[in-house]
Amino acid sequence: MATPSTNRPSIHTTLVTEAETEVTRTETVTRDITRDIERILHEIRELDHLRGEETHGVTENVCIIHDELRLLSEYL
């Protein structure tokens, strides 16, 4: 009597493959989310830097106006 032979994978092989596929999908989603978060953080840092420069410029302008008003009040 001959041993039966088939080309179908065993249930164990299929289950392991599906589990590995799920892990791969999870890793891919995690990488995508991580990349998105890093991109957003980069944009926030750039905006924070630009806002800091704007604030510095406004502060300088307010100081100049303050000095000019003081000089004007002394003149009057």
C-alpha atoms as a PDB file:
ATOM      1  CA  MET A   1       0.000   0.000   0.000  1.00  0.00           C
ATOM      2  CA  ALA A   2       1.392   3.419  -1.016  1.00  0.00           C
ATOM      3  CA  THR A   3       1.627   6.449   1.256  1.00  0.00           C
ATOM      4  CA  PRO A   4      -0.849   9.158   0.227  1.00  0.00           C
ATOM      5  CA  SER A   5       0.806  12.255  -1.147  1.00  0.00           C
ATOM      6  CA  THR A   6      -0.673  15.701  -1.822  1.00  0.00           C
ATOM      7  CA  ASN A   7       0.695  19.091  -2.712  1.00  0.00           C
ATOM      8  CA  ARG A   8      -1.617  20.937  -0.320  1.00  0.00           C
ATOM      9  CA  PRO A   9       0.027  22.593   2.679  1.00  0.00           C
ATOM     10  CA  SER A  10      -0.894  21.304   6.092  1.00  0.00           C
ATOM     11  CA  ILE A  11      -3.285  23.257   8.305  1.00  0.00           C
ATOM     12  CA  HIS A  12      -0.324  24.108  10.549  1.00  0.00           C
ATOM     13  CA  THR A  13       1.561  25.661   7.631  1.00  0.00           C
ATOM     14  CA  THR A  14      -1.481  27.706   6.631  1.00  0.00           C
ATOM     15  CA  LEU A  15      -2.049  28.935  10.182  1.00  0.00           C
ATOM     16  CA  VAL A  16       1.579  29.953  10.617  1.00  0.00           C
ATOM     17  CA  THR A  17       1.513  31.762   7.283  1.00  0.00           C
ATOM     18  CA  GLU A  18      -1.664  33.661   8.209  1.00  0.00           C
ATOM     19  CA  ALA A  19      -0.201  34.582  11.591  1.00  0.00           C
ATOM     20  CA  GLU A  20       3.012  35.771   9.961  1.00  0.00           C
ATOM     21  CA  THR A  21       0.972  37.762   7.433  1.00  0.00           C
ATOM     22  CA  GLU A  22      -0.937  39.450  10.272  1.00  0.00           C
ATOM     23  CA  VAL A  23       2.343  40.309  12.011  1.00  0.00           C
ATOM     24  CA  THR A  24       3.693  41.730   8.756  1.00  0.00           C
ATOM     25  CA  ARG A  25       0.535  43.832   8.286  1.00  0.00           C
ATOM     26  CA  THR A  26       0.771  45.071  11.865  1.00  0.00           C
ATOM     27  CA  GLU A  27       4.448  45.978  11.416  1.00  0.00           C
ATOM     28  CA  THR A  28       3.644  47.813   8.183  1.00  0.00           C
ATOM     29  CA  VAL A  29       0.832  49.792   9.804  1.00  0.00           C
ATOM     30  CA  THR A  30       3.081  50.591  12.769  1.00  0.00           C
ATOM     31  CA  ARG A  31       5.839  51.835  10.439  1.00  0.00           C
ATOM     32  CA  ASP A  32       3.328  53.943   8.494  1.00  0.00           C
ATOM     33  CA  ILE A  33       1.938  55.472  11.683  1.00  0.00           C
ATOM     34  CA  THR A  34       5.438  56.106  13.033  1.00  0.00           C
ATOM     35  CA  ARG A  35       6.469  57.792   9.767  1.00  0.00           C
ATOM     36  CA  ASP A  36       3.328  59.959   9.824  1.00  0.00           C
ATOM     37  CA  ILE A  37       3.928  60.971  13.446  1.00  0.00           C
ATOM     38  CA  GLU A  38       7.570  61.834  12.709  1.00  0.00           C
ATOM     39  CA  ARG A  39       6.488  63.945   9.717  1.00  0.00           C
ATOM     40  CA  ILE A  40       3.882  65.780  11.805  1.00  0.00           C
ATOM     41  CA  LEU A  41       6.399  66.389  14.609  1.00  0.00           C
ATOM     42  CA  HIS A  42       8.872  67.771  12.053  1.00  0.00           C
ATOM     43  CA  GLU A  43       6.215  70.169  10.746  1.00  0.00           C
ATOM     44  CA  ILE A  44       5.315  71.240  14.290  1.00  0.00           C
ATOM     45  CA  ARG A  45       8.980  71.942  15.064  1.00  0.00           C
ATOM     46  CA  GLU A  46       9.311  74.011  11.874  1.00  0.00           C
ATOM     47  CA  LEU A  47       6.176  76.001  12.737  1.00  0.00           C
ATOM     48  CA  ASP A  48       7.415  76.503  16.289  1.00  0.00           C
ATOM     49  CA  HIS A  49      10.733  77.808  14.956  1.00  0.00           C
ATOM     50  CA  LEU A  50       8.992  80.170  12.541  1.00  0.00           C
ATOM     51  CA  ARG A  51       6.640  81.351  15.284  1.00  0.00           C
ATOM     52  CA  GLY A  52       9.634  82.015  17.509  1.00  0.00           C
ATOM     53  CA  GLU A  53      11.236  84.134  14.788  1.00  0.00           C
ATOM     54  CA  GLU A  54       7.972  86.048  14.307  1.00  0.00           C
ATOM     55  CA  THR A  55       7.666  86.643  18.042  1.00  0.00           C
ATOM     56  CA  HIS A  56      11.238  87.913  18.179  1.00  0.00           C
ATOM     57  CA  GLY A  57      10.525  90.302  15.303  1.00  0.00           C
ATOM     58  CA  VAL A  58       7.354  91.588  16.941  1.00  0.00           C
ATOM     59  CA  THR A  59       9.193  92.075  20.231  1.00  0.00           C
ATOM     60  CA  GLU A  60      11.896  94.110  18.493  1.00  0.00           C
ATOM     61  CA  ASN A  61       9.258  96.265  16.770  1.00  0.00           C
ATOM     62  CA  VAL A  62       7.412  96.873  20.050  1.00  0.00           C
ATOM     63  CA  CYS A  63      10.689  97.926  21.687  1.00  0.00           C
ATOM     64  CA  ILE A  64      11.399 100.346  18.838  1.00  0.00           C
ATOM     65  CA  ILE A  65       7.886 101.829  19.091  1.00  0.00           C
ATOM     66  CA  HIS A  66       8.247 102.083  22.872  1.00  0.00           C
ATOM     67  CA  ASP A  67      11.542 103.943  22.511  1.00  0.00           C
ATOM     68  CA  GLU A  68      10.104 106.292  19.878  1.00  0.00           C
ATOM     69  CA  LEU A  69       7.078 107.041  22.062  1.00  0.00           C
ATOM     70  CA  ARG A  70       9.350 107.764  25.019  1.00  0.00           C
ATOM     71  CA  LEU A  71      11.425 110.137  22.911  1.00  0.00           C
ATOM     72  CA  LEU A  72       8.275 111.795  21.601  1.00  0.00           C
ATOM     73  CA  SER A  73       6.893 112.246  25.124  1.00  0.00           C
ATOM     74  CA  GLU A  74      10.201 113.800  26.208  1.00  0.00           C
ATOM     75  CA  TYR A  75      10.044 116.145  23.245  1.00  0.00           C
ATOM     76  CA  LEU A  76       6.509 117.251  24.064  1.00  0.00           C
END
